[in-house]
Protein backbone atom coordinates (compact mmCIF):
# COMPACT_ATOMS: atom_id res chain seq x y z
CA MET A 1 38.49 -0.97 2.95
CA PRO A 2 41.67 -0.89 0.92
CA GLU A 3 41.73 1.86 -1.67
CA ALA A 4 42.79 -0.64 -4.35
CA VAL A 5 39.53 -2.58 -3.91
CA ARG A 6 37.49 0.60 -4.10
CA LEU A 7 39.30 1.68 -7.27
CA ALA A 8 38.83 -1.76 -8.85
CA VAL A 9 35.07 -1.69 -8.24
CA LEU A 10 34.77 1.88 -9.52
CA GLY A 11 36.78 0.82 -12.57
CA LEU A 12 34.32 -1.99 -13.28
CA ALA A 13 31.41 0.41 -12.94
CA SER A 14 32.90 2.81 -15.49
CA HIS A 15 34.55 0.31 -17.84
CA ALA A 16 33.72 0.47 -21.55
CA ARG A 17 32.34 -3.09 -21.42
CA GLU A 18 29.07 -3.03 -19.53
CA SER A 19 28.64 -5.15 -16.44
CA HIS A 20 25.96 -5.17 -13.76
CA LEU A 21 27.17 -4.79 -10.21
CA TYR A 22 25.39 -6.04 -7.10
CA VAL A 23 26.87 -4.58 -3.94
CA LEU A 24 26.72 -5.79 -0.34
CA ASP A 25 28.17 -2.84 1.55
CA PRO A 26 28.02 -3.09 5.36
CA ASP A 27 29.56 0.26 6.24
CA SER A 28 28.74 2.58 3.32
CA SER A 29 32.19 2.24 1.77
CA PHE A 30 30.48 2.37 -1.63
CA VAL A 31 27.76 4.85 -0.70
CA GLY A 32 28.09 6.80 -3.97
CA LEU A 33 28.04 3.65 -6.04
CA ALA A 34 24.52 2.59 -5.03
CA SER A 35 22.93 5.09 -7.41
CA HIS A 36 25.26 4.30 -10.33
CA CYS A 37 23.41 3.21 -13.49
CA ARG A 38 25.30 -0.12 -13.61
CA VAL A 39 24.41 -1.13 -10.07
CA GLY A 40 21.46 -3.49 -10.16
CA ALA A 41 21.01 -3.46 -6.39
CA ALA A 42 22.85 -2.64 -3.21
CA ALA A 43 22.30 -3.46 0.46
CA ARG A 44 23.83 -2.40 3.73
CA LEU A 45 24.25 -4.67 6.73
CA HIS A 46 21.03 -3.53 8.41
CA GLU A 47 19.16 -4.57 5.20
CA LEU A 48 19.82 -8.29 5.57
CA ARG A 49 16.59 -9.38 3.85
CA ARG A 50 17.39 -7.14 0.89
CA ALA A 51 20.87 -8.66 0.72
CA VAL A 52 19.34 -12.14 0.71
CA ARG A 53 17.02 -11.15 -2.15
CA ILE A 54 20.05 -9.89 -4.11
CA LEU A 55 21.85 -13.19 -3.56
CA GLU A 56 18.75 -15.15 -4.55
CA ARG A 57 18.35 -13.10 -7.72
CA LEU A 58 21.98 -13.65 -8.67
CA ALA A 59 21.80 -17.38 -7.90
CA ARG A 60 18.67 -17.71 -10.05
CA GLU A 61 20.26 -15.81 -12.95
CA GLN A 62 23.48 -17.79 -12.70
CA SER A 63 21.50 -21.03 -12.74
CA LEU A 64 19.66 -19.91 -15.88
CA ARG A 65 22.91 -18.93 -17.58
CA LEU A 66 24.61 -22.20 -16.70
CA GLY A 67 21.67 -24.11 -18.16
CA ARG A 68 22.14 -22.74 -21.67
CA PRO A 69 24.99 -22.01 -24.07
CA ALA A 70 26.81 -18.77 -23.39
CA ALA A 71 25.66 -15.83 -25.46
CA ASP A 72 27.91 -13.04 -26.67
CA ASP A 73 25.42 -10.47 -25.43
CA ASP A 74 25.33 -11.80 -21.85
CA ILE A 75 26.18 -8.89 -19.60
CA PRO A 76 28.67 -9.94 -16.91
CA LEU A 77 27.32 -9.93 -13.36
CA VAL A 78 29.61 -8.79 -10.55
CA LEU A 79 28.90 -9.45 -6.89
CA VAL A 80 30.82 -7.05 -4.66
CA ILE A 81 30.90 -8.08 -1.01
CA ALA A 82 32.62 -5.54 1.20
CA GLY A 83 33.15 -6.51 4.83
CA TRP A 84 32.96 -10.24 4.18
CA GLY A 85 33.23 -11.17 7.87
CA SER A 86 30.32 -8.92 8.83
CA TRP A 87 28.08 -10.42 6.15
CA LEU A 88 29.11 -13.95 7.01
CA SER A 89 28.26 -13.42 10.68
CA ALA A 90 24.94 -11.78 9.86
CA LEU A 91 23.91 -14.51 7.40
CA ARG A 92 24.87 -17.30 9.77
CA ALA A 93 22.97 -15.70 12.64
CA GLY A 94 19.88 -15.02 10.52
CA PRO A 95 16.71 -17.09 10.63
CA LEU A 96 16.78 -18.27 7.01
CA ALA A 97 18.48 -21.56 6.10
CA TRP A 98 19.35 -20.71 2.48
CA PRO A 99 21.60 -17.73 3.28
CA ARG A 100 23.45 -19.75 5.92
CA THR A 101 24.10 -22.55 3.42
CA PHE A 102 25.05 -20.03 0.74
CA SER A 103 27.46 -18.21 3.04
CA MET A 104 29.07 -21.49 4.07
CA THR A 105 29.49 -22.49 0.43
CA LEU A 106 31.06 -19.15 -0.47
CA SER A 107 33.41 -19.31 2.49
CA GLY A 108 34.58 -22.79 1.53
CA MET A 109 33.13 -24.52 4.57
CA GLU A 110 31.04 -26.87 2.44
CA THR A 111 32.32 -28.95 -0.41
CA GLY A 112 30.72 -29.39 -3.78
CA PRO A 113 30.54 -27.52 -7.04
CA VAL A 114 29.73 -23.85 -6.76
CA SER A 115 29.71 -23.20 -10.49
CA ARG A 116 30.88 -24.73 -13.74
């Protein structure tokens, strides 16, 4: 992983403005970050079901936030996906339909609104 990406993610984790990070890390590039107080959850590639639960949780929260006026105290949510190709392959090969659809939407293979 490029050092610039690693530094950007670490910068978000230690920034003065709080944000909650959710990390999909296939090869332990962010191994030290998983225990950081601002990381809500992290998963490695062999934890595909955990990764799916993280994505479901974020999708649910995003849906709730989009359904109401923005609040000043909303803490930003950051999804960090390292090794995008590995995750995309794993999600597409998995038995669950939702992650396949989600991965196709994120990768631009399906059309339609992703967010407002």
